[in-house]
Amino acid sequence: FGMEGLLPEFVPFMLSVSLAALEFCLGLYLF
């Protein structure tokens, strides 16, 4: 999407952890 270099390097890692937490907790809550 042409966003490489626009954000700090730690942002992808934070998005990775946040996405994992969001999906895991939503699944847990729904269960």
mmCIF file of all heavy atoms, coordinates in Angstrom:
data_MODEL
# 
_entry.id   MODEL 
# 
loop_
_atom_site.group_PDB 
_atom_site.id 
_atom_site.type_symbol 
_atom_site.label_atom_id 
_atom_site.label_alt_id 
_atom_site.label_comp_id 
_atom_site.label_asym_id 
_atom_site.label_entity_id 
_atom_site.label_seq_id 
_atom_site.pdbx_PDB_ins_code 
_atom_site.Cartn_x 
_atom_site.Cartn_y 
_atom_site.Cartn_z 
_atom_site.occupancy 
_atom_site.B_iso_or_equiv 
_atom_site.pdbx_formal_charge 
_atom_site.auth_seq_id 
_atom_site.auth_comp_id 
_atom_site.auth_asym_id 
_atom_site.auth_atom_id 
_atom_site.pdbx_PDB_model_num 
ATOM 1   N N   . PHE A 1 1  ? 0.805   -1.218  0.000  1.00 0.00 ? 1  PHE A N   1 
ATOM 2   C CA  . PHE A 1 1  ? 0.000   0.000   0.000  1.00 0.00 ? 1  PHE A CA  1 
ATOM 3   C C   . PHE A 1 1  ? 0.841   1.272   0.000  1.00 0.00 ? 1  PHE A C   1 
ATOM 4   O O   . PHE A 1 1  ? 0.321   2.369   0.204  1.00 0.00 ? 1  PHE A O   1 
ATOM 5   C CB  . PHE A 1 1  ? -0.943  0.006   1.210  1.00 0.00 ? 1  PHE A CB  1 
ATOM 6   C CG  . PHE A 1 1  ? -2.053  -0.998  1.105  1.00 0.00 ? 1  PHE A CG  1 
ATOM 7   C CD1 . PHE A 1 1  ? -2.021  -2.166  1.858  1.00 0.00 ? 1  PHE A CD1 1 
ATOM 8   C CD2 . PHE A 1 1  ? -3.128  -0.798  0.249  1.00 0.00 ? 1  PHE A CD2 1 
ATOM 9   C CE1 . PHE A 1 1  ? -3.040  -3.099  1.768  1.00 0.00 ? 1  PHE A CE1 1 
ATOM 10  C CE2 . PHE A 1 1  ? -4.144  -1.728  0.156  1.00 0.00 ? 1  PHE A CE2 1 
ATOM 11  C CZ  . PHE A 1 1  ? -4.102  -2.883  0.914  1.00 0.00 ? 1  PHE A CZ  1 
ATOM 12  N N   . GLY A 1 2  ? 2.143   1.134   -0.206 1.00 0.00 ? 2  GLY A N   1 
ATOM 13  C CA  . GLY A 1 2  ? 3.005   2.300   -0.316 1.00 0.00 ? 2  GLY A CA  1 
ATOM 14  C C   . GLY A 1 2  ? 3.231   3.036   0.979  1.00 0.00 ? 2  GLY A C   1 
ATOM 15  O O   . GLY A 1 2  ? 3.469   4.253   0.974  1.00 0.00 ? 2  GLY A O   1 
ATOM 16  N N   . MET A 1 3  ? 3.164   2.341   2.106  1.00 0.00 ? 3  MET A N   1 
ATOM 17  C CA  . MET A 1 3  ? 3.334   2.979   3.413  1.00 0.00 ? 3  MET A CA  1 
ATOM 18  C C   . MET A 1 3  ? 4.680   2.662   4.041  1.00 0.00 ? 3  MET A C   1 
ATOM 19  O O   . MET A 1 3  ? 4.929   3.021   5.192  1.00 0.00 ? 3  MET A O   1 
ATOM 20  C CB  . MET A 1 3  ? 2.204   2.526   4.350  1.00 0.00 ? 3  MET A CB  1 
ATOM 21  C CG  . MET A 1 3  ? 0.808   2.874   3.867  1.00 0.00 ? 3  MET A CG  1 
ATOM 22  S SD  . MET A 1 3  ? -0.479  2.196   4.933  1.00 0.00 ? 3  MET A SD  1 
ATOM 23  C CE  . MET A 1 3  ? -0.105  3.011   6.488  1.00 0.00 ? 3  MET A CE  1 
ATOM 24  N N   . GLU A 1 4  ? 5.532   1.980   3.321  1.00 0.00 ? 4  GLU A N   1 
ATOM 25  C CA  . GLU A 1 4  ? 6.841   1.600   3.857  1.00 0.00 ? 4  GLU A CA  1 
ATOM 26  C C   . GLU A 1 4  ? 7.676   2.856   4.127  1.00 0.00 ? 4  GLU A C   1 
ATOM 27  O O   . GLU A 1 4  ? 7.822   3.728   3.270  1.00 0.00 ? 4  GLU A O   1 
ATOM 28  C CB  . GLU A 1 4  ? 7.574   0.691   2.878  1.00 0.00 ? 4  GLU A CB  1 
ATOM 29  C CG  . GLU A 1 4  ? 8.870   0.109   3.424  1.00 0.00 ? 4  GLU A CG  1 
ATOM 30  C CD  . GLU A 1 4  ? 9.538   -0.823  2.434  1.00 0.00 ? 4  GLU A CD  1 
ATOM 31  O OE1 . GLU A 1 4  ? 9.110   -0.828  1.253  1.00 0.00 ? 4  GLU A OE1 1 
ATOM 32  O OE2 . GLU A 1 4  ? 10.483  -1.535  2.825  1.00 0.00 ? 4  GLU A OE2 1 
ATOM 33  N N   . GLY A 1 5  ? 8.215   2.962   5.317  1.00 0.00 ? 5  GLY A N   1 
ATOM 34  C CA  . GLY A 1 5  ? 9.046   4.092   5.692  1.00 0.00 ? 5  GLY A CA  1 
ATOM 35  C C   . GLY A 1 5  ? 8.279   5.281   6.225  1.00 0.00 ? 5  GLY A C   1 
ATOM 36  O O   . GLY A 1 5  ? 8.888   6.234   6.726  1.00 0.00 ? 5  GLY A O   1 
ATOM 37  N N   . LEU A 1 6  ? 6.933   5.239   6.145  1.00 0.00 ? 6  LEU A N   1 
ATOM 38  C CA  . LEU A 1 6  ? 6.139   6.367   6.637  1.00 0.00 ? 6  LEU A CA  1 
ATOM 39  C C   . LEU A 1 6  ? 5.950   6.320   8.146  1.00 0.00 ? 6  LEU A C   1 
ATOM 40  O O   . LEU A 1 6  ? 5.719   7.355   8.770  1.00 0.00 ? 6  LEU A O   1 
ATOM 41  C CB  . LEU A 1 6  ? 4.767   6.393   5.952  1.00 0.00 ? 6  LEU A CB  1 
ATOM 42  C CG  . LEU A 1 6  ? 4.763   6.611   4.433  1.00 0.00 ? 6  LEU A CG  1 
ATOM 43  C CD1 . LEU A 1 6  ? 3.342   6.580   3.896  1.00 0.00 ? 6  LEU A CD1 1 
ATOM 44  C CD2 . LEU A 1 6  ? 5.436   7.943   4.087  1.00 0.00 ? 6  LEU A CD2 1 
ATOM 45  N N   . LEU A 1 7  ? 6.040   5.132   8.732  1.00 0.00 ? 7  LEU A N   1 
ATOM 46  C CA  . LEU A 1 7  ? 5.821   4.960   10.157 1.00 0.00 ? 7  LEU A CA  1 
ATOM 47  C C   . LEU A 1 7  ? 7.090   4.453   10.821 1.00 0.00 ? 7  LEU A C   1 
ATOM 48  O O   . LEU A 1 7  ? 7.933   3.831   10.167 1.00 0.00 ? 7  LEU A O   1 
ATOM 49  C CB  . LEU A 1 7  ? 4.675   3.965   10.401 1.00 0.00 ? 7  LEU A CB  1 
ATOM 50  C CG  . LEU A 1 7  ? 3.296   4.365   9.827  1.00 0.00 ? 7  LEU A CG  1 
ATOM 51  C CD1 . LEU A 1 7  ? 2.309   3.227   10.026 1.00 0.00 ? 7  LEU A CD1 1 
ATOM 52  C CD2 . LEU A 1 7  ? 2.793   5.638   10.485 1.00 0.00 ? 7  LEU A CD2 1 
ATOM 53  N N   . PRO A 1 8  ? 7.260   4.712   12.124 1.00 0.00 ? 8  PRO A N   1 
ATOM 54  C CA  . PRO A 1 8  ? 8.436   4.204   12.840 1.00 0.00 ? 8  PRO A CA  1 
ATOM 55  C C   . PRO A 1 8  ? 8.518   2.683   12.773 1.00 0.00 ? 8  PRO A C   1 
ATOM 56  O O   . PRO A 1 8  ? 7.512   1.994   12.569 1.00 0.00 ? 8  PRO A O   1 
ATOM 57  C CB  . PRO A 1 8  ? 8.201   4.687   14.280 1.00 0.00 ? 8  PRO A CB  1 
ATOM 58  C CG  . PRO A 1 8  ? 7.287   5.854   14.142 1.00 0.00 ? 8  PRO A CG  1 
ATOM 59  C CD  . PRO A 1 8  ? 6.408   5.570   12.962 1.00 0.00 ? 8  PRO A CD  1 
ATOM 60  N N   . GLU A 1 9  ? 9.714   2.152   12.949 1.00 0.00 ? 9  GLU A N   1 
ATOM 61  C CA  . GLU A 1 9  ? 9.930   0.713   12.788 1.00 0.00 ? 9  GLU A CA  1 
ATOM 62  C C   . GLU A 1 9  ? 9.198   -0.127  13.837 1.00 0.00 ? 9  GLU A C   1 
ATOM 63  O O   . GLU A 1 9  ? 8.904   -1.292  13.588 1.00 0.00 ? 9  GLU A O   1 
ATOM 64  C CB  . GLU A 1 9  ? 11.436  0.427   12.859 1.00 0.00 ? 9  GLU A CB  1 
ATOM 65  C CG  . GLU A 1 9  ? 12.227  1.011   11.689 1.00 0.00 ? 9  GLU A CG  1 
ATOM 66  C CD  . GLU A 1 9  ? 13.687  0.640   11.753 1.00 0.00 ? 9  GLU A CD  1 
ATOM 67  O OE1 . GLU A 1 9  ? 14.078  -0.028  12.743 1.00 0.00 ? 9  GLU A OE1 1 
ATOM 68  O OE2 . GLU A 1 9  ? 14.444  1.001   10.828 1.00 0.00 ? 9  GLU A OE2 1 
ATOM 69  N N   . PHE A 1 10 ? 8.932   0.463   15.007 1.00 0.00 ? 10 PHE A N   1 
ATOM 70  C CA  . PHE A 1 10 ? 8.276   -0.317  16.058 1.00 0.00 ? 10 PHE A CA  1 
ATOM 71  C C   . PHE A 1 10 ? 6.776   -0.462  15.824 1.00 0.00 ? 10 PHE A C   1 
ATOM 72  O O   . PHE A 1 10 ? 6.116   -1.287  16.473 1.00 0.00 ? 10 PHE A O   1 
ATOM 73  C CB  . PHE A 1 10 ? 8.518   0.324   17.435 1.00 0.00 ? 10 PHE A CB  1 
ATOM 74  C CG  . PHE A 1 10 ? 7.851   1.660   17.618 1.00 0.00 ? 10 PHE A CG  1 
ATOM 75  C CD1 . PHE A 1 10 ? 6.540   1.757   18.059 1.00 0.00 ? 10 PHE A CD1 1 
ATOM 76  C CD2 . PHE A 1 10 ? 8.540   2.833   17.337 1.00 0.00 ? 10 PHE A CD2 1 
ATOM 77  C CE1 . PHE A 1 10 ? 5.922   2.981   18.238 1.00 0.00 ? 10 PHE A CE1 1 
ATOM 78  C CE2 . PHE A 1 10 ? 7.936   4.063   17.503 1.00 0.00 ? 10 PHE A CE2 1 
ATOM 79  C CZ  . PHE A 1 10 ? 6.617   4.140   17.946 1.00 0.00 ? 10 PHE A CZ  1 
ATOM 80  N N   . VAL A 1 11 ? 6.206   0.325   14.910 1.00 0.00 ? 11 VAL A N   1 
ATOM 81  C CA  . VAL A 1 11 ? 4.756   0.299   14.695 1.00 0.00 ? 11 VAL A CA  1 
ATOM 82  C C   . VAL A 1 11 ? 4.273   -1.065  14.205 1.00 0.00 ? 11 VAL A C   1 
ATOM 83  O O   . VAL A 1 11 ? 3.276   -1.593  14.732 1.00 0.00 ? 11 VAL A O   1 
ATOM 84  C CB  . VAL A 1 11 ? 4.333   1.422   13.726 1.00 0.00 ? 11 VAL A CB  1 
ATOM 85  C CG1 . VAL A 1 11 ? 2.857   1.261   13.322 1.00 0.00 ? 11 VAL A CG1 1 
ATOM 86  C CG2 . VAL A 1 11 ? 4.546   2.781   14.373 1.00 0.00 ? 11 VAL A CG2 1 
ATOM 87  N N   . PRO A 1 12 ? 4.912   -1.707  13.211 1.00 0.00 ? 12 PRO A N   1 
ATOM 88  C CA  . PRO A 1 12 ? 4.442   -3.041  12.792 1.00 0.00 ? 12 PRO A CA  1 
ATOM 89  C C   . PRO A 1 12 ? 4.430   -4.064  13.925 1.00 0.00 ? 12 PRO A C   1 
ATOM 90  O O   . PRO A 1 12 ? 3.498   -4.880  14.015 1.00 0.00 ? 12 PRO A O   1 
ATOM 91  C CB  . PRO A 1 12 ? 5.432   -3.437  11.690 1.00 0.00 ? 12 PRO A CB  1 
ATOM 92  C CG  . PRO A 1 12 ? 5.914   -2.149  11.142 1.00 0.00 ? 12 PRO A CG  1 
ATOM 93  C CD  . PRO A 1 12 ? 5.988   -1.222  12.330 1.00 0.00 ? 12 PRO A CD  1 
ATOM 94  N N   . PHE A 1 13 ? 5.456   -3.998  14.789 1.00 0.00 ? 13 PHE A N   1 
ATOM 95  C CA  . PHE A 1 13 ? 5.482   -4.950  15.905 1.00 0.00 ? 13 PHE A CA  1 
ATOM 96  C C   . PHE A 1 13 ? 4.339   -4.662  16.880 1.00 0.00 ? 13 PHE A C   1 
ATOM 97  O O   . PHE A 1 13 ? 3.682   -5.601  17.374 1.00 0.00 ? 13 PHE A O   1 
ATOM 98  C CB  . PHE A 1 13 ? 6.822   -4.880  16.629 1.00 0.00 ? 13 PHE A CB  1 
ATOM 99  C CG  . PHE A 1 13 ? 6.931   -5.836  17.784 1.00 0.00 ? 13 PHE A CG  1 
ATOM 100 C CD1 . PHE A 1 13 ? 7.162   -7.181  17.570 1.00 0.00 ? 13 PHE A CD1 1 
ATOM 101 C CD2 . PHE A 1 13 ? 6.776   -5.383  19.091 1.00 0.00 ? 13 PHE A CD2 1 
ATOM 102 C CE1 . PHE A 1 13 ? 7.244   -8.066  18.638 1.00 0.00 ? 13 PHE A CE1 1 
ATOM 103 C CE2 . PHE A 1 13 ? 6.855   -6.262  20.161 1.00 0.00 ? 13 PHE A CE2 1 
ATOM 104 C CZ  . PHE A 1 13 ? 7.090   -7.608  19.926 1.00 0.00 ? 13 PHE A CZ  1 
ATOM 105 N N   . MET A 1 14 ? 4.085   -3.381  17.167 1.00 0.00 ? 14 MET A N   1 
ATOM 106 C CA  . MET A 1 14 ? 2.986   -3.034  18.068 1.00 0.00 ? 14 MET A CA  1 
ATOM 107 C C   . MET A 1 14 ? 1.640   -3.443  17.462 1.00 0.00 ? 14 MET A C   1 
ATOM 108 O O   . MET A 1 14 ? 0.763   -3.924  18.177 1.00 0.00 ? 14 MET A O   1 
ATOM 109 C CB  . MET A 1 14 ? 3.004   -1.534  18.346 1.00 0.00 ? 14 MET A CB  1 
ATOM 110 C CG  . MET A 1 14 ? 4.201   -1.061  19.154 1.00 0.00 ? 14 MET A CG  1 
ATOM 111 S SD  . MET A 1 14 ? 4.285   -1.853  20.785 1.00 0.00 ? 14 MET A SD  1 
ATOM 112 C CE  . MET A 1 14 ? 2.762   -1.282  21.518 1.00 0.00 ? 14 MET A CE  1 
ATOM 113 N N   . LEU A 1 15 ? 1.502   -3.263  16.159 1.00 0.00 ? 15 LEU A N   1 
ATOM 114 C CA  . LEU A 1 15 ? 0.264   -3.695  15.501 1.00 0.00 ? 15 LEU A CA  1 
ATOM 115 C C   . LEU A 1 15 ? 0.114   -5.208  15.561 1.00 0.00 ? 15 LEU A C   1 
ATOM 116 O O   . LEU A 1 15 ? -1.001  -5.725  15.738 1.00 0.00 ? 15 LEU A O   1 
ATOM 117 C CB  . LEU A 1 15 ? 0.267   -3.235  14.036 1.00 0.00 ? 15 LEU A CB  1 
ATOM 118 C CG  . LEU A 1 15 ? 0.094   -1.734  13.790 1.00 0.00 ? 15 LEU A CG  1 
ATOM 119 C CD1 . LEU A 1 15 ? 0.242   -1.426  12.301 1.00 0.00 ? 15 LEU A CD1 1 
ATOM 120 C CD2 . LEU A 1 15 ? -1.261  -1.260  14.289 1.00 0.00 ? 15 LEU A CD2 1 
ATOM 121 N N   . SER A 1 16 ? 1.231   -5.923  15.445 1.00 0.00 ? 16 SER A N   1 
ATOM 122 C CA  . SER A 1 16 ? 1.194   -7.384  15.520 1.00 0.00 ? 16 SER A CA  1 
ATOM 123 C C   . SER A 1 16 ? 0.697   -7.853  16.885 1.00 0.00 ? 16 SER A C   1 
ATOM 124 O O   . SER A 1 16 ? -0.201  -8.696  16.981 1.00 0.00 ? 16 SER A O   1 
ATOM 125 C CB  . SER A 1 16 ? 2.595   -7.938  15.246 1.00 0.00 ? 16 SER A CB  1 
ATOM 126 O OG  . SER A 1 16 ? 2.645   -9.325  15.515 1.00 0.00 ? 16 SER A OG  1 
ATOM 127 N N   . VAL A 1 17 ? 1.263   -7.282  17.945 1.00 0.00 ? 17 VAL A N   1 
ATOM 128 C CA  . VAL A 1 17 ? 0.869   -7.667  19.302 1.00 0.00 ? 17 VAL A CA  1 
ATOM 129 C C   . VAL A 1 17 ? -0.572  -7.247  19.579 1.00 0.00 ? 17 VAL A C   1 
ATOM 130 O O   . VAL A 1 17 ? -1.361  -8.008  20.179 1.00 0.00 ? 17 VAL A O   1 
ATOM 131 C CB  . VAL A 1 17 ? 1.829   -7.051  20.333 1.00 0.00 ? 17 VAL A CB  1 
ATOM 132 C CG1 . VAL A 1 17 ? 1.352   -7.354  21.746 1.00 0.00 ? 17 VAL A CG1 1 
ATOM 133 C CG2 . VAL A 1 17 ? 3.250   -7.568  20.121 1.00 0.00 ? 17 VAL A CG2 1 
ATOM 134 N N   . SER A 1 18 ? -0.941  -6.044  19.144 1.00 0.00 ? 18 SER A N   1 
ATOM 135 C CA  . SER A 1 18 ? -2.300  -5.546  19.387 1.00 0.00 ? 18 SER A CA  1 
ATOM 136 C C   . SER A 1 18 ? -3.335  -6.397  18.659 1.00 0.00 ? 18 SER A C   1 
ATOM 137 O O   . SER A 1 18 ? -4.398  -6.709  19.210 1.00 0.00 ? 18 SER A O   1 
ATOM 138 C CB  . SER A 1 18 ? -2.412  -4.090  18.931 1.00 0.00 ? 18 SER A CB  1 
ATOM 139 O OG  . SER A 1 18 ? -1.512  -3.269  19.639 1.00 0.00 ? 18 SER A OG  1 
ATOM 140 N N   . LEU A 1 19 ? -3.025  -6.792  17.417 1.00 0.00 ? 19 LEU A N   1 
ATOM 141 C CA  . LEU A 1 19 ? -3.950  -7.632  16.664 1.00 0.00 ? 19 LEU A CA  1 
ATOM 142 C C   . LEU A 1 19 ? -4.114  -8.999  17.314 1.00 0.00 ? 19 LEU A C   1 
ATOM 143 O O   . LEU A 1 19 ? -5.228  -9.539  17.392 1.00 0.00 ? 19 LEU A O   1 
ATOM 144 C CB  . LEU A 1 19 ? -3.460  -7.782  15.228 1.00 0.00 ? 19 LEU A CB  1 
ATOM 145 C CG  . LEU A 1 19 ? -4.370  -8.559  14.266 1.00 0.00 ? 19 LEU A CG  1 
ATOM 146 C CD1 . LEU A 1 19 ? -5.726  -7.884  14.155 1.00 0.00 ? 19 LEU A CD1 1 
ATOM 147 C CD2 . LEU A 1 19 ? -3.717  -8.670  12.888 1.00 0.00 ? 19 LEU A CD2 1 
ATOM 148 N N   . ALA A 1 20 ? -3.008  -9.554  17.794 1.00 0.00 ? 20 ALA A N   1 
ATOM 149 C CA  . ALA A 1 20 ? -3.073  -10.842 18.490 1.00 0.00 ? 20 ALA A CA  1 
ATOM 150 C C   . ALA A 1 20 ? -3.943  -10.739 19.737 1.00 0.00 ? 20 ALA A C   1 
ATOM 151 O O   . ALA A 1 20 ? -4.790  -11.605 19.997 1.00 0.00 ? 20 ALA A O   1 
ATOM 152 C CB  . ALA A 1 20 ? -1.673  -11.315 18.851 1.00 0.00 ? 20 ALA A CB  1 
ATOM 153 N N   . ALA A 1 21 ? -3.741  -9.670  20.511 1.00 0.00 ? 21 ALA A N   1 
ATOM 154 C CA  . ALA A 1 21 ? -4.525  -9.477  21.740 1.00 0.00 ? 21 ALA A CA  1 
ATOM 155 C C   . ALA A 1 21 ? -5.998  -9.277  21.417 1.00 0.00 ? 21 ALA A C   1 
ATOM 156 O O   . ALA A 1 21 ? -6.874  -9.834  22.100 1.00 0.00 ? 21 ALA A O   1 
ATOM 157 C CB  . ALA A 1 21 ? -3.985  -8.283  22.517 1.00 0.00 ? 21 ALA A CB  1 
ATOM 158 N N   . LEU A 1 22 ? -6.279  -8.477  20.386 1.00 0.00 ? 22 LEU A N   1 
ATOM 159 C CA  . LEU A 1 22 ? -7.669  -8.199  20.022 1.00 0.00 ? 22 LEU A CA  1 
ATOM 160 C C   . LEU A 1 22 ? -8.387  -9.472  19.598 1.00 0.00 ? 22 LEU A C   1 
ATOM 161 O O   . LEU A 1 22 ? -9.486  -9.772  20.087 1.00 0.00 ? 22 LEU A O   1 
ATOM 162 C CB  . LEU A 1 22 ? -7.713  -7.166  18.901 1.00 0.00 ? 22 LEU A CB  1 
ATOM 163 C CG  . LEU A 1 22 ? -9.099  -6.796  18.379 1.00 0.00 ? 22 LEU A CG  1 
ATOM 164 C CD1 . LEU A 1 22 ? -9.927  -6.160  19.471 1.00 0.00 ? 22 LEU A CD1 1 
ATOM 165 C CD2 . LEU A 1 22 ? -8.994  -5.875  17.173 1.00 0.00 ? 22 LEU A CD2 1 
ATOM 166 N N   . GLU A 1 23 ? -7.786  -10.250 18.696 1.00 0.00 ? 23 GLU A N   1 
ATOM 167 C CA  . GLU A 1 23 ? -8.436  -11.468 18.217 1.00 0.00 ? 23 GLU A CA  1 
ATOM 168 C C   . GLU A 1 23 ? -8.597  -12.491 19.330 1.00 0.00 ? 23 GLU A C   1 
ATOM 169 O O   . GLU A 1 23 ? -9.658  -13.130 19.457 1.00 0.00 ? 23 GLU A O   1 
ATOM 170 C CB  . GLU A 1 23 ? -7.631  -12.065 17.067 1.00 0.00 ? 23 GLU A CB  1 
ATOM 171 C CG  . GLU A 1 23 ? -7.679  -11.257 15.795 1.00 0.00 ? 23 GLU A CG  1 
ATOM 172 C CD  . GLU A 1 23 ? -6.953  -11.913 14.642 1.00 0.00 ? 23 GLU A CD  1 
ATOM 173 O OE1 . GLU A 1 23 ? -6.220  -12.898 14.888 1.00 0.00 ? 23 GLU A OE1 1 
ATOM 174 O OE2 . GLU A 1 23 ? -7.106  -11.454 13.500 1.00 0.00 ? 23 GLU A OE2 1 
ATOM 175 N N   . PHE A 1 24 ? -7.561  -12.657 20.145 1.00 0.00 ? 24 PHE A N   1 
ATOM 176 C CA  . PHE A 1 24 ? -7.622  -13.647 21.221 1.00 0.00 ? 24 PHE A CA  1 
ATOM 177 C C   . PHE A 1 24 ? -8.704  -13.279 22.232 1.00 0.00 ? 24 PHE A C   1 
ATOM 178 O O   . PHE A 1 24 ? -9.501  -14.134 22.638 1.00 0.00 ? 24 PHE A O   1 
ATOM 179 C CB  . PHE A 1 24 ? -6.263  -13.746 21.907 1.00 0.00 ? 24 PHE A CB  1 
ATOM 180 C CG  . PHE A 1 24 ? -6.169  -14.862 22.906 1.00 0.00 ? 24 PHE A CG  1 
ATOM 181 C CD1 . PHE A 1 24 ? -5.885  -16.157 22.498 1.00 0.00 ? 24 PHE A CD1 1 
ATOM 182 C CD2 . PHE A 1 24 ? -6.372  -14.625 24.263 1.00 0.00 ? 24 PHE A CD2 1 
ATOM 183 C CE1 . PHE A 1 24 ? -5.803  -17.194 23.417 1.00 0.00 ? 24 PHE A CE1 1 
ATOM 184 C CE2 . PHE A 1 24 ? -6.294  -15.651 25.181 1.00 0.00 ? 24 PHE A CE2 1 
ATOM 185 C CZ  . PHE A 1 24 ? -6.003  -16.940 24.765 1.00 0.00 ? 24 PHE A CZ  1 
ATOM 186 N N   . CYS A 1 25 ? -8.750  -12.010 22.628 1.00 0.00 ? 25 CYS A N   1 
ATOM 187 C CA  . CYS A 1 25 ? -9.726  -11.590 23.635 1.00 0.00 ? 25 CYS A CA  1 
ATOM 188 C C   . CYS A 1 25 ? -11.146 -11.606 23.091 1.00 0.00 ? 25 CYS A C   1 
ATOM 189 O O   . CYS A 1 25 ? -12.082 -12.007 23.795 1.00 0.00 ? 25 CYS A O   1 
ATOM 190 C CB  . CYS A 1 25 ? -9.373  -10.197 24.150 1.00 0.00 ? 25 CYS A CB  1 
ATOM 191 S SG  . CYS A 1 25 ? -7.898  -10.167 25.196 1.00 0.00 ? 25 CYS A SG  1 
ATOM 192 N N   . LEU A 1 26 ? -11.334 -11.190 21.843 1.00 0.00 ? 26 LEU A N   1 
ATOM 193 C CA  . LEU A 1 26 ? -12.673 -11.250 21.252 1.00 0.00 ? 26 LEU A CA  1 
ATOM 194 C C   . LEU A 1 26 ? -13.171 -12.691 21.178 1.00 0.00 ? 26 LEU A C   1 
ATOM 195 O O   . LEU A 1 26 ? -14.332 -12.974 21.491 1.00 0.00 ? 26 LEU A O   1 
ATOM 196 C CB  . LEU A 1 26 ? -12.664 -10.627 19.855 1.00 0.00 ? 26 LEU A CB  1 
ATOM 197 C CG  . LEU A 1 26 ? -12.598 -9.103  19.765 1.00 0.00 ? 26 LEU A CG  1 
ATOM 198 C CD1 . LEU A 1 26 ? -12.537 -8.651  18.320 1.00 0.00 ? 26 LEU A CD1 1 
ATOM 199 C CD2 . LEU A 1 26 ? -13.774 -8.461  20.474 1.00 0.00 ? 26 LEU A CD2 1 
ATOM 200 N N   . GLY A 1 27 ? -12.294 -13.606 20.758 1.00 0.00 ? 27 GLY A N   1 
ATOM 201 C CA  . GLY A 1 27 ? -12.677 -15.010 20.713 1.00 0.00 ? 27 GLY A CA  1 
ATOM 202 C C   . GLY A 1 27 ? -12.988 -15.565 22.089 1.00 0.00 ? 27 GLY A C   1 
ATOM 203 O O   . GLY A 1 27 ? -13.957 -16.307 22.275 1.00 0.00 ? 27 GLY A O   1 
ATOM 204 N N   . LEU A 1 28 ? -12.173 -15.171 23.066 1.00 0.00 ? 28 LEU A N   1 
ATOM 205 C CA  . LEU A 1 28 ? -12.382 -15.633 24.439 1.00 0.00 ? 28 LEU A CA  1 
ATOM 206 C C   . LEU A 1 28 ? -13.691 -15.093 24.995 1.00 0.00 ? 28 LEU A C   1 
ATOM 207 O O   . LEU A 1 28 ? -14.465 -15.821 25.637 1.00 0.00 ? 28 LEU A O   1 
ATOM 208 C CB  . LEU A 1 28 ? -11.202 -15.186 25.305 1.00 0.00 ? 28 LEU A CB  1 
ATOM 209 C CG  . LEU A 1 28 ? -10.877 -16.015 26.552 1.00 0.00 ? 28 LEU A CG  1 
ATOM 210 C CD1 . LEU A 1 28 ? -10.504 -17.444 26.169 1.00 0.00 ? 28 LEU A CD1 1 
ATOM 211 C CD2 . LEU A 1 28 ? -9.736  -15.371 27.335 1.00 0.00 ? 28 LEU A CD2 1 
ATOM 212 N N   . TYR A 1 29 ? -13.951 -13.797 24.763 1.00 0.00 ? 29 TYR A N   1 
ATOM 213 C CA  . TYR A 1 29 ? -15.193 -13.187 25.235 1.00 0.00 ? 29 TYR A CA  1 
ATOM 214 C C   . TYR A 1 29 ? -16.414 -13.851 24.602 1.00 0.00 ? 29 TYR A C   1 
ATOM 215 O O   . TYR A 1 29 ? -17.402 -14.133 25.277 1.00 0.00 ? 29 TYR A O   1 
ATOM 216 C CB  . TYR A 1 29 ? -15.200 -11.700 24.905 1.00 0.00 ? 29 TYR A CB  1 
ATOM 217 C CG  . TYR A 1 29 ? -14.425 -10.831 25.857 1.00 0.00 ? 29 TYR A CG  1 
ATOM 218 C CD1 . TYR A 1 29 ? -13.415 -11.355 26.655 1.00 0.00 ? 29 TYR A CD1 1 
ATOM 219 C CD2 . TYR A 1 29 ? -14.681 -9.472  25.961 1.00 0.00 ? 29 TYR A CD2 1 
ATOM 220 C CE1 . TYR A 1 29 ? -12.697 -10.559 27.520 1.00 0.00 ? 29 TYR A CE1 1 
ATOM 221 C CE2 . TYR A 1 29 ? -13.969 -8.667  26.829 1.00 0.00 ? 29 TYR A CE2 1 
ATOM 222 C CZ  . TYR A 1 29 ? -12.980 -9.214  27.598 1.00 0.00 ? 29 TYR A CZ  1 
ATOM 223 O OH  . TYR A 1 29 ? -12.277 -8.425  28.462 1.00 0.00 ? 29 TYR A OH  1 
ATOM 224 N N   . LEU A 1 30 ? -16.334 -14.083 23.280 1.00 0.00 ? 30 LEU A N   1 
ATOM 225 C CA  . LEU A 1 30 ? -17.472 -14.692 22.599 1.00 0.00 ? 30 LEU A CA  1 
ATOM 226 C C   . LEU A 1 30 ? -17.697 -16.120 23.087 1.00 0.00 ? 30 LEU A C   1 
ATOM 227 O O   . LEU A 1 30 ? -18.844 -16.557 23.245 1.00 0.00 ? 30 LEU A O   1 
ATOM 228 C CB  . LEU A 1 30 ? -17.234 -14.680 21.087 1.00 0.00 ? 30 LEU A CB  1 
ATOM 229 C CG  . LEU A 1 30 ? -18.393 -15.180 20.220 1.00 0.00 ? 30 LEU A CG  1 
ATOM 230 C CD1 . LEU A 1 30 ? -19.625 -14.311 20.411 1.00 0.00 ? 30 LEU A CD1 1 
ATOM 231 C CD2 . LEU A 1 30 ? -17.997 -15.202 18.751 1.00 0.00 ? 30 LEU A CD2 1 
ATOM 232 N N   . PHE A 1 31 ? -16.621 -16.843 23.326 1.00 0.00 ? 31 PHE A N   1 
ATOM 233 C CA  . PHE A 1 31 ? -16.748 -18.229 23.789 1.00 0.00 ? 31 PHE A CA  1 
ATOM 234 C C   . PHE A 1 31 ? -17.474 -18.289 25.131 1.00 0.00 ? 31 PHE A C   1 
ATOM 235 O O   . PHE A 1 31 ? -18.365 -19.126 25.331 1.00 0.00 ? 31 PHE A O   1 
ATOM 236 C CB  . PHE A 1 31 ? -15.364 -18.859 23.917 1.00 0.00 ? 31 PHE A CB  1 
ATOM 237 C CG  . PHE A 1 31 ? -15.396 -20.327 24.250 1.00 0.00 ? 31 PHE A CG  1 
ATOM 238 C CD1 . PHE A 1 31 ? -15.441 -21.272 23.236 1.00 0.00 ? 31 PHE A CD1 1 
ATOM 239 C CD2 . PHE A 1 31 ? -15.377 -20.766 25.564 1.00 0.00 ? 31 PHE A CD2 1 
ATOM 240 C CE1 . PHE A 1 31 ? -15.481 -22.631 23.541 1.00 0.00 ? 31 PHE A CE1 1 
ATOM 241 C CE2 . PHE A 1 31 ? -15.415 -22.109 25.878 1.00 0.00 ? 31 PHE A CE2 1 
ATOM 242 C CZ  . PHE A 1 31 ? -15.471 -23.054 24.864 1.00 0.00 ? 31 PHE A CZ  1 
# 
